[in-house]
Each structure stands twice: as C-alpha cells, then as structure tokens.
Amino acid sequence: MPVETLSRYVTSNSDILSGEPVILGTRTSVRAIVGLWHLGIMPEEILSHLPHLTLAQVFDALSFYLDHQAEINEYIEQNQVPNELVHPSTIAIYKSSSHTSPIK
C-alpha cells in the first residue's frame, strides 16, 4: 500500500479510492470538495457539508485542484452520475437553490 504525500493535507494511497487524491487521514476525495465548490459553495460553507474537515484542509484541497485540474477533472468525469439517473427531487432542489447547478 504505497502512500504518496501530495501536499500538506492531500495524499494518495492505492488502498483508498484506488489512489485518487484524498484528505490525509480520511476517505474524503479532493474531487468531493471541488464538486461542492463548483456548485458555488464557499470553502467556509463546505465545512457544514464535511464537518470532519478543517478549513485548512479544504483550502489545501482547492489549491491542489488548481495545480492539478486535468487530473482531478478526469476523476470528476469518471464519477459523474448521468442526469437521467438523478432523482427529480434532487434536480428540483438544485434548480431552486442560489448555487450554480451542473444539472440542466
């Protein structure tokens, strides 16, 4: 189980999410944090969605993403749920929220 430290709080371990970058000591992927950020959720608000993280971890994940966008965007694309599989109530929530929704 080779573990690679990628930044202060971001690591990669082949035994966790097949080596996808995660927050050290968790199974929370950088992709998950970036996904919330792409929805328009401010880093400070991300903590209410992922309360086990610190603000420093969230900012480090976003910084890592900005330096490795192609890699993380590939993970996002590989894990995207097709719109037709998203429950209509979820779509309604995002369309009525103040956040920018990736769901059309």
N, C-alpha and C. Protein backbone atom coordinates (compact mmCIF):
# COMPACT_ATOMS: atom_id res chain seq x y z
N MET A 1 0.82 -1.18 0.00
CA MET A 1 0.00 0.00 0.00
C MET A 1 0.87 1.25 0.00
N PRO A 2 1.41 1.60 -1.16
CA PRO A 2 2.25 2.80 -1.24
C PRO A 2 1.42 4.07 -1.01
N VAL A 3 1.89 4.89 -0.08
CA VAL A 3 1.23 6.15 0.25
C VAL A 3 2.13 7.27 -0.26
N GLU A 4 1.52 8.22 -0.97
CA GLU A 4 2.27 9.34 -1.50
C GLU A 4 1.67 10.63 -0.95
N THR A 5 2.51 11.44 -0.30
CA THR A 5 2.06 12.74 0.19
C THR A 5 2.15 13.71 -0.97
N LEU A 6 1.02 14.34 -1.31
CA LEU A 6 0.95 15.23 -2.47
C LEU A 6 1.00 16.70 -2.07
N SER A 7 0.56 17.02 -0.88
CA SER A 7 0.63 18.37 -0.32
C SER A 7 0.49 18.22 1.19
N ARG A 8 0.37 19.31 1.90
CA ARG A 8 0.30 19.22 3.36
C ARG A 8 -0.83 18.30 3.84
N TYR A 9 -2.01 18.41 3.21
CA TYR A 9 -3.17 17.63 3.65
C TYR A 9 -3.68 16.64 2.62
N VAL A 10 -3.12 16.64 1.44
CA VAL A 10 -3.59 15.75 0.38
C VAL A 10 -2.61 14.61 0.20
N THR A 11 -3.16 13.41 0.12
CA THR A 11 -2.34 12.21 -0.03
C THR A 11 -2.98 11.28 -1.05
N SER A 12 -2.23 10.30 -1.45
CA SER A 12 -2.74 9.28 -2.37
C SER A 12 -2.29 7.93 -1.83
N ASN A 13 -3.24 7.01 -1.73
CA ASN A 13 -2.96 5.67 -1.22
C ASN A 13 -3.71 4.70 -2.12
N SER A 14 -3.00 3.77 -2.72
CA SER A 14 -3.63 2.83 -3.66
C SER A 14 -4.75 2.02 -3.02
N ASP A 15 -4.77 1.93 -1.69
CA ASP A 15 -5.83 1.19 -0.99
C ASP A 15 -7.06 2.04 -0.69
N ILE A 16 -6.99 3.33 -0.96
CA ILE A 16 -8.12 4.24 -0.70
C ILE A 16 -8.54 4.86 -2.03
N LEU A 17 -9.77 4.57 -2.45
CA LEU A 17 -10.33 5.10 -3.70
C LEU A 17 -9.39 4.88 -4.89
N SER A 18 -8.73 3.74 -4.89
CA SER A 18 -7.82 3.36 -5.99
C SER A 18 -6.73 4.40 -6.26
N GLY A 19 -6.30 5.08 -5.21
CA GLY A 19 -5.21 6.03 -5.36
C GLY A 19 -5.62 7.45 -5.69
N GLU A 20 -6.92 7.71 -5.74
CA GLU A 20 -7.41 9.07 -6.00
C GLU A 20 -6.97 9.98 -4.85
N PRO A 21 -6.57 11.22 -5.13
CA PRO A 21 -6.15 12.13 -4.06
C PRO A 21 -7.27 12.36 -3.04
N VAL A 22 -6.91 12.19 -1.76
CA VAL A 22 -7.85 12.35 -0.65
C VAL A 22 -7.20 13.21 0.43
N ILE A 23 -8.03 13.67 1.36
CA ILE A 23 -7.52 14.40 2.51
C ILE A 23 -6.87 13.39 3.46
N LEU A 24 -5.67 13.68 3.89
CA LEU A 24 -4.90 12.81 4.77
C LEU A 24 -5.72 12.37 5.97
N GLY A 25 -5.75 11.07 6.23
CA GLY A 25 -6.46 10.52 7.37
C GLY A 25 -7.95 10.35 7.17
N THR A 26 -8.42 10.59 5.94
CA THR A 26 -9.85 10.45 5.64
C THR A 26 -10.00 9.70 4.32
N ARG A 27 -11.24 9.45 3.96
CA ARG A 27 -11.56 8.92 2.63
C ARG A 27 -12.26 10.00 1.79
N THR A 28 -12.12 11.25 2.22
CA THR A 28 -12.74 12.37 1.51
C THR A 28 -11.83 12.77 0.35
N SER A 29 -12.36 12.64 -0.85
CA SER A 29 -11.56 12.95 -2.04
C SER A 29 -11.51 14.45 -2.30
N VAL A 30 -10.42 14.85 -2.95
CA VAL A 30 -10.32 16.23 -3.43
C VAL A 30 -11.49 16.48 -4.38
N ARG A 31 -11.85 15.48 -5.17
CA ARG A 31 -12.97 15.58 -6.10
C ARG A 31 -14.26 15.99 -5.39
N ALA A 32 -14.53 15.42 -4.22
CA ALA A 32 -15.75 15.75 -3.47
C ALA A 32 -15.76 17.21 -3.04
N ILE A 33 -14.63 17.70 -2.60
CA ILE A 33 -14.53 19.10 -2.16
C ILE A 33 -14.69 20.03 -3.36
N VAL A 34 -14.03 19.70 -4.45
CA VAL A 34 -14.13 20.50 -5.67
C VAL A 34 -15.55 20.50 -6.20
N GLY A 35 -16.22 19.35 -6.10
CA GLY A 35 -17.61 19.27 -6.55
C GLY A 35 -18.50 20.25 -5.82
N LEU A 36 -18.33 20.36 -4.52
CA LEU A 36 -19.12 21.33 -3.74
C LEU A 36 -18.76 22.75 -4.14
N TRP A 37 -17.49 23.00 -4.32
CA TRP A 37 -17.02 24.33 -4.72
C TRP A 37 -17.58 24.71 -6.08
N HIS A 38 -17.62 23.76 -7.01
CA HIS A 38 -18.19 24.01 -8.34
C HIS A 38 -19.68 24.30 -8.27
N LEU A 39 -20.34 23.86 -7.23
CA LEU A 39 -21.76 24.17 -7.05
C LEU A 39 -21.96 25.58 -6.49
N GLY A 40 -20.86 26.27 -6.23
CA GLY A 40 -20.94 27.63 -5.72
C GLY A 40 -20.89 27.72 -4.22
N ILE A 41 -20.55 26.63 -3.57
CA ILE A 41 -20.48 26.61 -2.11
C ILE A 41 -19.11 27.14 -1.69
N MET A 42 -19.11 28.16 -0.86
CA MET A 42 -17.87 28.78 -0.40
C MET A 42 -17.09 27.80 0.47
N PRO A 43 -15.75 27.91 0.48
CA PRO A 43 -14.95 26.99 1.30
C PRO A 43 -15.40 26.93 2.76
N GLU A 44 -15.77 28.08 3.33
CA GLU A 44 -16.22 28.09 4.72
C GLU A 44 -17.52 27.30 4.89
N GLU A 45 -18.37 27.31 3.86
CA GLU A 45 -19.63 26.57 3.91
C GLU A 45 -19.44 25.08 3.66
N ILE A 46 -18.36 24.72 2.97
CA ILE A 46 -18.08 23.31 2.71
C ILE A 46 -17.95 22.56 4.03
N LEU A 47 -17.47 23.25 5.05
CA LEU A 47 -17.30 22.62 6.37
C LEU A 47 -18.62 22.12 6.93
N SER A 48 -19.73 22.77 6.61
CA SER A 48 -21.02 22.28 7.12
C SER A 48 -21.45 21.01 6.40
N HIS A 49 -20.93 20.79 5.19
CA HIS A 49 -21.22 19.57 4.45
C HIS A 49 -20.24 18.44 4.80
N LEU A 50 -19.04 18.83 5.17
CA LEU A 50 -17.98 17.87 5.52
C LEU A 50 -17.37 18.31 6.86
N PRO A 51 -18.13 18.16 7.95
CA PRO A 51 -17.70 18.73 9.24
C PRO A 51 -16.46 18.09 9.85
N HIS A 52 -16.03 16.96 9.32
CA HIS A 52 -14.82 16.31 9.85
C HIS A 52 -13.55 16.97 9.32
N LEU A 53 -13.69 17.90 8.38
CA LEU A 53 -12.53 18.58 7.81
C LEU A 53 -12.31 19.93 8.48
N THR A 54 -11.09 20.44 8.33
CA THR A 54 -10.78 21.79 8.79
C THR A 54 -10.76 22.71 7.58
N LEU A 55 -10.83 24.00 7.83
CA LEU A 55 -10.79 24.97 6.73
C LEU A 55 -9.45 24.88 6.00
N ALA A 56 -8.38 24.63 6.74
CA ALA A 56 -7.06 24.48 6.11
C ALA A 56 -7.06 23.30 5.14
N GLN A 57 -7.70 22.20 5.51
CA GLN A 57 -7.77 21.03 4.63
C GLN A 57 -8.56 21.35 3.36
N VAL A 58 -9.66 22.09 3.51
CA VAL A 58 -10.48 22.45 2.35
C VAL A 58 -9.68 23.35 1.41
N PHE A 59 -9.03 24.37 1.95
CA PHE A 59 -8.24 25.26 1.10
C PHE A 59 -7.07 24.53 0.45
N ASP A 60 -6.46 23.60 1.17
CA ASP A 60 -5.36 22.84 0.58
C ASP A 60 -5.87 21.97 -0.56
N ALA A 61 -7.04 21.37 -0.40
CA ALA A 61 -7.62 20.56 -1.47
C ALA A 61 -7.91 21.42 -2.69
N LEU A 62 -8.45 22.62 -2.48
CA LEU A 62 -8.74 23.51 -3.61
C LEU A 62 -7.45 23.99 -4.27
N SER A 63 -6.44 24.27 -3.47
CA SER A 63 -5.15 24.66 -4.02
C SER A 63 -4.55 23.52 -4.84
N PHE A 64 -4.64 22.30 -4.30
CA PHE A 64 -4.15 21.13 -5.03
C PHE A 64 -4.90 21.00 -6.36
N TYR A 65 -6.21 21.18 -6.32
CA TYR A 65 -7.02 21.11 -7.54
C TYR A 65 -6.55 22.13 -8.57
N LEU A 66 -6.33 23.37 -8.13
CA LEU A 66 -5.94 24.42 -9.08
C LEU A 66 -4.59 24.12 -9.73
N ASP A 67 -3.73 23.39 -9.04
CA ASP A 67 -2.44 22.99 -9.61
C ASP A 67 -2.53 21.70 -10.42
N HIS A 68 -3.63 20.93 -10.28
CA HIS A 68 -3.76 19.62 -10.94
C HIS A 68 -5.15 19.45 -11.54
N GLN A 69 -5.64 20.49 -12.21
CA GLN A 69 -7.01 20.48 -12.70
C GLN A 69 -7.30 19.34 -13.66
N ALA A 70 -6.40 19.06 -14.57
CA ALA A 70 -6.66 17.99 -15.55
C ALA A 70 -6.86 16.65 -14.85
N GLU A 71 -6.02 16.35 -13.88
CA GLU A 71 -6.12 15.08 -13.15
C GLU A 71 -7.43 14.98 -12.38
N ILE A 72 -7.76 16.02 -11.62
CA ILE A 72 -8.98 15.98 -10.81
C ILE A 72 -10.22 16.03 -11.69
N ASN A 73 -10.18 16.80 -12.76
CA ASN A 73 -11.32 16.84 -13.68
C ASN A 73 -11.58 15.47 -14.30
N GLU A 74 -10.53 14.71 -14.51
CA GLU A 74 -10.69 13.35 -15.03
C GLU A 74 -11.43 12.47 -14.00
N TYR A 75 -11.06 12.59 -12.72
CA TYR A 75 -11.78 11.85 -11.67
C TYR A 75 -13.24 12.29 -11.60
N ILE A 76 -13.48 13.59 -11.74
CA ILE A 76 -14.85 14.10 -11.73
C ILE A 76 -15.64 13.50 -12.88
N GLU A 77 -15.07 13.50 -14.06
CA GLU A 77 -15.74 12.96 -15.24
C GLU A 77 -16.03 11.46 -15.08
N GLN A 78 -15.06 10.72 -14.57
CA GLN A 78 -15.22 9.28 -14.38
C GLN A 78 -16.32 8.94 -13.37
N ASN A 79 -16.57 9.82 -12.44
CA ASN A 79 -17.52 9.55 -11.36
C ASN A 79 -18.83 10.32 -11.48
N GLN A 80 -19.04 10.99 -12.60
CA GLN A 80 -20.25 11.78 -12.79
C GLN A 80 -21.46 10.87 -12.99
N VAL A 81 -22.53 11.20 -12.30
CA VAL A 81 -23.78 10.45 -12.43
C VAL A 81 -24.56 11.06 -13.59
N PRO A 82 -24.98 10.25 -14.57
CA PRO A 82 -25.76 10.79 -15.68
C PRO A 82 -27.04 11.45 -15.17
N ASN A 83 -27.43 12.57 -15.78
CA ASN A 83 -28.61 13.32 -15.34
C ASN A 83 -29.86 12.45 -15.26
N GLU A 84 -30.00 11.48 -16.17
CA GLU A 84 -31.21 10.65 -16.17
C GLU A 84 -31.28 9.73 -14.95
N LEU A 85 -30.16 9.57 -14.23
CA LEU A 85 -30.16 8.74 -13.03
C LEU A 85 -30.35 9.56 -11.75
N VAL A 86 -30.36 10.89 -11.89
CA VAL A 86 -30.54 11.76 -10.73
C VAL A 86 -32.03 11.87 -10.43
N HIS A 87 -32.39 11.67 -9.18
CA HIS A 87 -33.80 11.73 -8.77
C HIS A 87 -34.36 13.14 -9.03
N PRO A 88 -35.57 13.24 -9.57
CA PRO A 88 -36.17 14.55 -9.88
C PRO A 88 -36.20 15.52 -8.69
N SER A 89 -36.37 15.01 -7.48
CA SER A 89 -36.41 15.91 -6.32
C SER A 89 -35.04 16.56 -6.09
N THR A 90 -33.97 15.84 -6.40
CA THR A 90 -32.63 16.41 -6.28
C THR A 90 -32.44 17.52 -7.30
N ILE A 91 -32.89 17.28 -8.51
CA ILE A 91 -32.79 18.31 -9.56
C ILE A 91 -33.57 19.55 -9.14
N ALA A 92 -34.76 19.37 -8.58
CA ALA A 92 -35.58 20.50 -8.15
C ALA A 92 -34.89 21.31 -7.06
N ILE A 93 -34.23 20.63 -6.13
CA ILE A 93 -33.52 21.32 -5.05
C ILE A 93 -32.42 22.20 -5.63
N TYR A 94 -31.62 21.65 -6.54
CA TYR A 94 -30.53 22.42 -7.12
C TYR A 94 -31.03 23.56 -7.98
N LYS A 95 -32.09 23.34 -8.73
CA LYS A 95 -32.62 24.40 -9.58
C LYS A 95 -33.21 25.54 -8.75
N SER A 96 -33.70 25.25 -7.55
CA SER A 96 -34.29 26.29 -6.72
C SER A 96 -33.27 26.94 -5.78
N SER A 97 -32.07 26.39 -5.71
CA SER A 97 -31.06 26.94 -4.80
C SER A 97 -30.36 28.13 -5.43
N SER A 98 -29.63 28.86 -4.60
CA SER A 98 -28.86 30.01 -5.09
C SER A 98 -27.54 29.58 -5.69
N HIS A 99 -27.19 28.30 -5.55
CA HIS A 99 -25.93 27.80 -6.09
C HIS A 99 -26.07 27.49 -7.57
N THR A 100 -24.98 27.61 -8.29
CA THR A 100 -24.97 27.26 -9.70
C THR A 100 -25.00 25.75 -9.81
N SER A 101 -25.97 25.23 -10.52
CA SER A 101 -26.13 23.79 -10.64
C SER A 101 -25.52 23.26 -11.92
N PRO A 102 -24.82 22.12 -11.84
CA PRO A 102 -24.32 21.49 -13.06
C PRO A 102 -25.43 20.72 -13.77
N ILE A 103 -26.59 20.63 -13.13
CA ILE A 103 -27.72 19.88 -13.68
C ILE A 103 -28.56 20.82 -14.51
N LYS A 104 -28.75 20.51 -15.75
CA LYS A 104 -29.52 21.37 -16.67
C LYS A 104 -30.96 20.94 -16.71
